[in-house]
Amino acid sequence: MKKMPDLMEAIFDACYLIFDLIAGILFFVYSKGNPLFILYGVLTLTLCGGDAFHLVPRIKRAVYGTNDKRGSGGTL
């Protein structure tokens, strides 16, 4: 069963990832060759990519539920 806090967390995580992606792209677009802004863009997109590895599965779990039969521990 889907719970409201899980859905709200999924919405927050999705908004965060979208904001981070747009911010990284804007840093590149408006850098005008400034190496500091290019670095900001690289760092922002690196952060977004790293966060996506753990936030996308959480979003999927919150939206679709889980098929995990092992319990809440998640280890074998």
PDB file of N, CA and C in Angstrom:
ATOM      1  N   MET A   1       0.841  -1.179   0.000  1.00  0.00           N
ATOM      2  CA  MET A   1       0.000   0.000   0.000  1.00  0.00           C
ATOM      3  C   MET A   1       0.889   1.246   0.000  1.00  0.00           C
ATOM      4  N   LYS A   2       0.499   2.209  -0.836  1.00  0.00           N
ATOM      5  CA  LYS A   2       1.260   3.445  -0.920  1.00  0.00           C
ATOM      6  C   LYS A   2       0.868   4.365   0.223  1.00  0.00           C
ATOM      7  N   LYS A   3       1.875   4.986   0.823  1.00  0.00           N
ATOM      8  CA  LYS A   3       1.634   5.899   1.932  1.00  0.00           C
ATOM      9  C   LYS A   3       1.963   7.317   1.488  1.00  0.00           C
ATOM     10  N   MET A   4       1.253   8.270   2.044  1.00  0.00           N
ATOM     11  CA  MET A   4       1.435   9.673   1.654  1.00  0.00           C
ATOM     12  C   MET A   4       2.862  10.173   1.892  1.00  0.00           C
ATOM     13  N   PRO A   5       3.515   9.878   3.016  1.00  0.00           N
ATOM     14  CA  PRO A   5       4.900  10.351   3.176  1.00  0.00           C
ATOM     15  C   PRO A   5       5.839   9.800   2.103  1.00  0.00           C
ATOM     16  N   ASP A   6       5.620   8.547   1.687  1.00  0.00           N
ATOM     17  CA  ASP A   6       6.458   7.973   0.630  1.00  0.00           C
ATOM     18  C   ASP A   6       6.251   8.705  -0.687  1.00  0.00           C
ATOM     19  N   LEU A   7       5.006   9.023  -1.002  1.00  0.00           N
ATOM     20  CA  LEU A   7       4.732   9.736  -2.248  1.00  0.00           C
ATOM     21  C   LEU A   7       5.280  11.159  -2.206  1.00  0.00           C
ATOM     22  N   MET A   8       5.177  11.810  -1.065  1.00  0.00           N
ATOM     23  CA  MET A   8       5.718  13.166  -0.943  1.00  0.00           C
ATOM     24  C   MET A   8       7.244  13.154  -1.054  1.00  0.00           C
ATOM     25  N   GLU A   9       7.869  12.146  -0.482  1.00  0.00           N
ATOM     26  CA  GLU A   9       9.319  12.016  -0.621  1.00  0.00           C
ATOM     27  C   GLU A   9       9.701  11.789  -2.075  1.00  0.00           C
ATOM     28  N   ALA A  10       8.925  10.981  -2.788  1.00  0.00           N
ATOM     29  CA  ALA A  10       9.202  10.726  -4.201  1.00  0.00           C
ATOM     30  C   ALA A  10       9.076  12.005  -5.018  1.00  0.00           C
ATOM     31  N   ILE A  11       8.074  12.806  -4.724  1.00  0.00           N
ATOM     32  CA  ILE A  11       7.896  14.074  -5.434  1.00  0.00           C
ATOM     33  C   ILE A  11       9.058  15.017  -5.130  1.00  0.00           C
ATOM     34  N   PHE A  12       9.451  15.102  -3.870  1.00  0.00           N
ATOM     35  CA  PHE A  12      10.574  15.954  -3.489  1.00  0.00           C
ATOM     36  C   PHE A  12      11.860  15.496  -4.178  1.00  0.00           C
ATOM     37  N   ASP A  13      12.130  14.189  -4.167  1.00  0.00           N
ATOM     38  CA  ASP A  13      13.342  13.664  -4.794  1.00  0.00           C
ATOM     39  C   ASP A  13      13.357  13.937  -6.294  1.00  0.00           C
ATOM     40  N   ALA A  14      12.215  13.759  -6.956  1.00  0.00           N
ATOM     41  CA  ALA A  14      12.131  14.013  -8.395  1.00  0.00           C
ATOM     42  C   ALA A  14      12.357  15.494  -8.690  1.00  0.00           C
ATOM     43  N   CYS A  15      11.749  16.367  -7.906  1.00  0.00           N
ATOM     44  CA  CYS A  15      11.944  17.810  -8.092  1.00  0.00           C
ATOM     45  C   CYS A  15      13.404  18.192  -7.863  1.00  0.00           C
ATOM     46  N   TYR A  16      14.018  17.597  -6.859  1.00  0.00           N
ATOM     47  CA  TYR A  16      15.429  17.878  -6.577  1.00  0.00           C
ATOM     48  C   TYR A  16      16.312  17.476  -7.758  1.00  0.00           C
ATOM     49  N   LEU A  17      16.093  16.284  -8.294  1.00  0.00           N
ATOM     50  CA  LEU A  17      16.917  15.822  -9.411  1.00  0.00           C
ATOM     51  C   LEU A  17      16.709  16.680 -10.655  1.00  0.00           C
ATOM     52  N   ILE A  18      15.469  17.074 -10.915  1.00  0.00           N
ATOM     53  CA  ILE A  18      15.190  17.926 -12.068  1.00  0.00           C
ATOM     54  C   ILE A  18      15.843  19.291 -11.891  1.00  0.00           C
ATOM     55  N   PHE A  19      15.714  19.870 -10.684  1.00  0.00           N
ATOM     56  CA  PHE A  19      16.345  21.162 -10.406  1.00  0.00           C
ATOM     57  C   PHE A  19      17.859  21.079 -10.575  1.00  0.00           C
ATOM     58  N   ASP A  20      18.455  20.029 -10.069  1.00  0.00           N
ATOM     59  CA  ASP A  20      19.903  19.859 -10.146  1.00  0.00           C
ATOM     60  C   ASP A  20      20.352  19.732 -11.601  1.00  0.00           C
ATOM     61  N   LEU A  21      19.614  18.980 -12.393  1.00  0.00           N
ATOM     62  CA  LEU A  21      19.943  18.811 -13.803  1.00  0.00           C
ATOM     63  C   LEU A  21      19.843  20.142 -14.545  1.00  0.00           C
ATOM     64  N   ILE A  22      18.766  20.888 -14.314  1.00  0.00           N
ATOM     65  CA  ILE A  22      18.594  22.180 -14.978  1.00  0.00           C
ATOM     66  C   ILE A  22      19.683  23.158 -14.535  1.00  0.00           C
ATOM     67  N   ALA A  23      20.010  23.176 -13.249  1.00  0.00           N
ATOM     68  CA  ALA A  23      21.056  24.076 -12.756  1.00  0.00           C
ATOM     69  C   ALA A  23      22.401  23.754 -13.404  1.00  0.00           C
ATOM     70  N   GLY A  24      22.733  22.471 -13.525  1.00  0.00           N
ATOM     71  CA  GLY A  24      23.988  22.090 -14.159  1.00  0.00           C
ATOM     72  C   GLY A  24      24.054  22.528 -15.613  1.00  0.00           C
ATOM     73  N   ILE A  25      22.946  22.345 -16.326  1.00  0.00           N
ATOM     74  CA  ILE A  25      22.906  22.758 -17.731  1.00  0.00           C
ATOM     75  C   ILE A  25      23.033  24.277 -17.844  1.00  0.00           C
ATOM     76  N   LEU A  26      22.339  25.007 -16.965  1.00  0.00           N
ATOM     77  CA  LEU A  26      22.422  26.471 -17.008  1.00  0.00           C
ATOM     78  C   LEU A  26      23.824  26.976 -16.702  1.00  0.00           C
ATOM     79  N   PHE A  27      24.533  26.304 -15.812  1.00  0.00           N
ATOM     80  CA  PHE A  27      25.926  26.699 -15.552  1.00  0.00           C
ATOM     81  C   PHE A  27      26.745  26.612 -16.832  1.00  0.00           C
ATOM     82  N   PHE A  28      26.550  25.557 -17.624  1.00  0.00           N
ATOM     83  CA  PHE A  28      27.284  25.427 -18.887  1.00  0.00           C
ATOM     84  C   PHE A  28      26.842  26.467 -19.903  1.00  0.00           C
ATOM     85  N   VAL A  29      25.539  26.695 -20.002  1.00  0.00           N
ATOM     86  CA  VAL A  29      25.012  27.622 -21.006  1.00  0.00           C
ATOM     87  C   VAL A  29      25.491  29.048 -20.751  1.00  0.00           C
ATOM     88  N   TYR A  30      25.486  29.465 -19.490  1.00  0.00           N
ATOM     89  CA  TYR A  30      25.841  30.839 -19.165  1.00  0.00           C
ATOM     90  C   TYR A  30      27.291  31.011 -18.727  1.00  0.00           C
ATOM     91  N   SER A  31      28.118  30.009 -18.913  1.00  0.00           N
ATOM     92  CA  SER A  31      29.510  30.121 -18.465  1.00  0.00           C
ATOM     93  C   SER A  31      30.324  31.080 -19.317  1.00  0.00           C
ATOM     94  N   LYS A  32      30.028  31.185 -20.601  1.00  0.00           N
ATOM     95  CA  LYS A  32      30.756  32.065 -21.530  1.00  0.00           C
ATOM     96  C   LYS A  32      32.260  31.831 -21.440  1.00  0.00           C
ATOM     97  N   GLY A  33      32.645  30.580 -21.280  1.00  0.00           N
ATOM     98  CA  GLY A  33      34.055  30.237 -21.238  1.00  0.00           C
ATOM     99  C   GLY A  33      34.716  30.412 -19.890  1.00  0.00           C
ATOM    100  N   ASN A  34      33.991  30.891 -18.907  1.00  0.00           N
ATOM    101  CA  ASN A  34      34.547  31.081 -17.574  1.00  0.00           C
ATOM    102  C   ASN A  34      34.791  29.699 -16.944  1.00  0.00           C
ATOM    103  N   PRO A  35      36.055  29.361 -16.660  1.00  0.00           N
ATOM    104  CA  PRO A  35      36.346  28.022 -16.148  1.00  0.00           C
ATOM    105  C   PRO A  35      35.686  27.720 -14.800  1.00  0.00           C
ATOM    106  N   LEU A  36      35.436  28.736 -13.995  1.00  0.00           N
ATOM    107  CA  LEU A  36      34.797  28.503 -12.706  1.00  0.00           C
ATOM    108  C   LEU A  36      33.360  28.019 -12.894  1.00  0.00           C
ATOM    109  N   PHE A  37      32.625  28.629 -13.817  1.00  0.00           N
ATOM    110  CA  PHE A  37      31.254  28.205 -14.059  1.00  0.00           C
ATOM    111  C   PHE A  37      31.194  26.856 -14.761  1.00  0.00           C
ATOM    112  N   ILE A  38      32.188  26.561 -15.584  1.00  0.00           N
ATOM    113  CA  ILE A  38      32.260  25.229 -16.196  1.00  0.00           C
ATOM    114  C   ILE A  38      32.491  24.185 -15.107  1.00  0.00           C
ATOM    115  N   LEU A  39      33.353  24.491 -14.153  1.00  0.00           N
ATOM    116  CA  LEU A  39      33.592  23.594 -13.022  1.00  0.00           C
ATOM    117  C   LEU A  39      32.319  23.416 -12.191  1.00  0.00           C
ATOM    118  N   TYR A  40      31.592  24.525 -11.965  1.00  0.00           N
ATOM    119  CA  TYR A  40      30.316  24.420 -11.251  1.00  0.00           C
ATOM    120  C   TYR A  40      29.359  23.488 -11.986  1.00  0.00           C
ATOM    121  N   GLY A  41      29.323  23.589 -13.296  1.00  0.00           N
ATOM    122  CA  GLY A  41      28.457  22.710 -14.083  1.00  0.00           C
ATOM    123  C   GLY A  41      28.851  21.257 -13.953  1.00  0.00           C
ATOM    124  N   VAL A  42      30.147  20.990 -14.017  1.00  0.00           N
ATOM    125  CA  VAL A  42      30.632  19.614 -13.875  1.00  0.00           C
ATOM    126  C   VAL A  42      30.293  19.080 -12.480  1.00  0.00           C
ATOM    127  N   LEU A  43      30.543  19.877 -11.466  1.00  0.00           N
ATOM    128  CA  LEU A  43      30.267  19.449 -10.097  1.00  0.00           C
ATOM    129  C   LEU A  43      28.773  19.215  -9.879  1.00  0.00           C
ATOM    130  N   THR A  44      27.932  20.095 -10.421  1.00  0.00           N
ATOM    131  CA  THR A  44      26.489  19.950 -10.251  1.00  0.00           C
ATOM    132  C   THR A  44      25.977  18.690 -10.935  1.00  0.00           C
ATOM    133  N   LEU A  45      26.438  18.434 -12.161  1.00  0.00           N
ATOM    134  CA  LEU A  45      25.990  17.232 -12.865  1.00  0.00           C
ATOM    135  C   LEU A  45      26.552  15.959 -12.229  1.00  0.00           C
ATOM    136  N   THR A  46      27.744  16.039 -11.656  1.00  0.00           N
ATOM    137  CA  THR A  46      28.298  14.893 -10.928  1.00  0.00           C
ATOM    138  C   THR A  46      27.460  14.597  -9.688  1.00  0.00           C
ATOM    139  N   LEU A  47      27.081  15.640  -8.971  1.00  0.00           N
ATOM    140  CA  LEU A  47      26.218  15.473  -7.810  1.00  0.00           C
ATOM    141  C   LEU A  47      24.872  14.873  -8.214  1.00  0.00           C
ATOM    142  N   CYS A  48      24.306  15.380  -9.289  1.00  0.00           N
ATOM    143  CA  CYS A  48      23.013  14.877  -9.767  1.00  0.00           C
ATOM    144  C   CYS A  48      23.113  13.401 -10.155  1.00  0.00           C
ATOM    145  N   GLY A  49      24.165  13.046 -10.850  1.00  0.00           N
ATOM    146  CA  GLY A  49      24.342  11.647 -11.247  1.00  0.00           C
ATOM    147  C   GLY A  49      24.524  10.726 -10.056  1.00  0.00           C
ATOM    148  N   GLY A  50      25.305  11.170  -9.084  1.00  0.00           N
ATOM    149  CA  GLY A  50      25.517  10.353  -7.889  1.00  0.00           C
ATOM    150  C   GLY A  50      24.248  10.194  -7.068  1.00  0.00           C
ATOM    151  N   ASP A  51      23.515  11.276  -6.928  1.00  0.00           N
ATOM    152  CA  ASP A  51      22.265  11.198  -6.171  1.00  0.00           C
ATOM    153  C   ASP A  51      21.220  10.358  -6.896  1.00  0.00           C
ATOM    154  N   ALA A  52      21.247  10.377  -8.214  1.00  0.00           N
ATOM    155  CA  ALA A  52      20.264   9.608  -8.980  1.00  0.00           C
ATOM    156  C   ALA A  52      20.403   8.106  -8.724  1.00  0.00           C
ATOM    157  N   PHE A  53      21.610   7.646  -8.409  1.00  0.00           N
ATOM    158  CA  PHE A  53      21.808   6.221  -8.161  1.00  0.00           C
ATOM    159  C   PHE A  53      21.016   5.715  -6.963  1.00  0.00           C
ATOM    160  N   HIS A  54      20.791   6.547  -5.970  1.00  0.00           N
ATOM    161  CA  HIS A  54      20.014   6.074  -4.832  1.00  0.00           C
ATOM    162  C   HIS A  54      18.615   6.687  -4.778  1.00  0.00           C
ATOM    163  N   LEU A  55      18.402   7.840  -5.443  1.00  0.00           N
ATOM    164  CA  LEU A  55      17.073   8.444  -5.385  1.00  0.00           C
ATOM    165  C   LEU A  55      16.097   7.841  -6.389  1.00  0.00           C
ATOM    166  N   VAL A  56      16.560   7.476  -7.574  1.00  0.00           N
ATOM    167  CA  VAL A  56      15.651   6.876  -8.565  1.00  0.00           C
ATOM    168  C   VAL A  56      15.063   5.564  -8.054  1.00  0.00           C
ATOM    169  N   PRO A  57      15.849   4.651  -7.467  1.00  0.00           N
ATOM    170  CA  PRO A  57      15.217   3.449  -6.903  1.00  0.00           C
ATOM    171  C   PRO A  57      14.233   3.757  -5.777  1.00  0.00           C
ATOM    172  N   ARG A  58      14.510   4.784  -4.980  1.00  0.00           N
ATOM    173  CA  ARG A  58      13.567   5.160  -3.911  1.00  0.00           C
ATOM    174  C   ARG A  58      12.268   5.701  -4.498  1.00  0.00           C
ATOM    175  N   ILE A  59      12.392   6.480  -5.580  1.00  0.00           N
ATOM    176  CA  ILE A  59      11.197   7.000  -6.243  1.00  0.00           C
ATOM    177  C   ILE A  59      10.382   5.846  -6.820  1.00  0.00           C
ATOM    178  N   LYS A  60      11.053   4.913  -7.476  1.00  0.00           N
ATOM    179  CA  LYS A  60      10.343   3.763  -8.051  1.00  0.00           C
ATOM    180  C   LYS A  60       9.662   2.937  -6.966  1.00  0.00           C
ATOM    181  N   ARG A  61      10.329   2.744  -5.837  1.00  0.00           N
ATOM    182  CA  ARG A  61       9.739   1.983  -4.742  1.00  0.00           C
ATOM    183  C   ARG A  61       8.508   2.682  -4.192  1.00  0.00           C
ATOM    184  N   ALA A  62       8.590   4.003  -4.055  1.00  0.00           N
ATOM    185  CA  ALA A  62       7.472   4.752  -3.498  1.00  0.00           C
ATOM    186  C   ALA A  62       6.272   4.762  -4.443  1.00  0.00           C
ATOM    187  N   VAL A  63       6.532   4.815  -5.744  1.00  0.00           N
ATOM    188  CA  VAL A  63       5.437   4.904  -6.707  1.00  0.00           C
ATOM    189  C   VAL A  63       4.842   3.538  -7.020  1.00  0.00           C
ATOM    190  N   TYR A  64       5.695   2.556  -7.275  1.00  0.00           N
ATOM    191  CA  TYR A  64       5.221   1.241  -7.705  1.00  0.00           C
ATOM    192  C   TYR A  64       5.137   0.220  -6.586  1.00  0.00           C
ATOM    193  N   GLY A  65       5.652   0.532  -5.428  1.00  0.00           N
ATOM    194  CA  GLY A  65       5.697  -0.450  -4.352  1.00  0.00           C
ATOM    195  C   GLY A  65       6.932  -1.312  -4.496  1.00  0.00           C
ATOM    196  N   THR A  66       7.034  -2.336  -3.659  1.00  0.00           N
ATOM    197  CA  THR A  66       8.215  -3.191  -3.687  1.00  0.00           C
ATOM    198  C   THR A  66       7.789  -4.640  -3.863  1.00  0.00           C
ATOM    199  N   ASN A  67       8.632  -5.384  -4.533  1.00  0.00           N
ATOM    200  CA  ASN A  67       8.418  -6.814  -4.700  1.00  0.00           C
ATOM    201  C   ASN A  67       9.395  -7.606  -3.846  1.00  0.00           C
ATOM    202  N   ASP A  68      10.036  -6.905  -2.920  1.00  0.00           N
ATOM    203  CA  ASP A  68      11.050  -7.536  -2.076  1.00  0.00           C
ATOM    204  C   ASP A  68      10.397  -8.480  -1.082  1.00  0.00           C
ATOM    205  N   LYS A  69      10.676  -9.769  -1.194  1.00  0.00           N
ATOM    206  CA  LYS A  69      10.093 -10.782  -0.308  1.00  0.00           C
ATOM    207  C   LYS A  69      10.989 -11.070   0.883  1.00  0.00           C
ATOM    208  N   ARG A  70      12.156 -10.405   0.967  1.00  0.00           N
ATOM    209  CA  ARG A  70      13.122 -10.703   2.013  1.00  0.00           C
ATOM    210  C   ARG A  70      12.922  -9.868   3.250  1.00  0.00           C
ATOM    211  N   GLY A  71      12.003  -8.953   3.252  1.00  0.00           N
ATOM    212  CA  GLY A  71      11.821  -8.091   4.415  1.00  0.00           C
ATOM    213  C   GLY A  71      12.401  -6.724   4.163  1.00  0.00           C
ATOM    214  N   SER A  72      12.505  -5.937   5.199  1.00  0.00           N
ATOM    215  CA  SER A  72      12.940  -4.558   5.039  1.00  0.00           C
ATOM    216  C   SER A  72      14.459  -4.409   5.051  1.00  0.00           C
ATOM    217  N   GLY A  73      15.193  -5.438   5.404  1.00  0.00           N
ATOM    218  CA  GLY A  73      16.651  -5.345   5.491  1.00  0.00           C
ATOM    219  C   GLY A  73      17.313  -5.193   4.145  1.00  0.00           C
ATOM    220  N   GLY A  74      16.817  -5.874   3.129  1.00  0.00           N
ATOM    221  CA  GLY A  74      17.353  -5.740   1.789  1.00  0.00           C
ATOM    222  C   GLY A  74      18.636  -6.501   1.534  1.00  0.00           C
ATOM    223  N   THR A  75      19.129  -7.286   2.501  1.00  0.00           N
ATOM    224  CA  THR A  75      20.341  -8.060   2.275  1.00  0.00           C
ATOM    225  C   THR A  75      19.961  -9.530   2.126  1.00  0.00           C
ATOM    226  N   LEU A  76      20.828 -10.236   1.461  1.00  0.00           N
ATOM    227  CA  LEU A  76      20.558 -11.668   1.238  1.00  0.00           C
ATOM    228  C   LEU A  76      20.870 -12.516   2.437  1.00  0.00           C
TER     229      LEU A  76
END
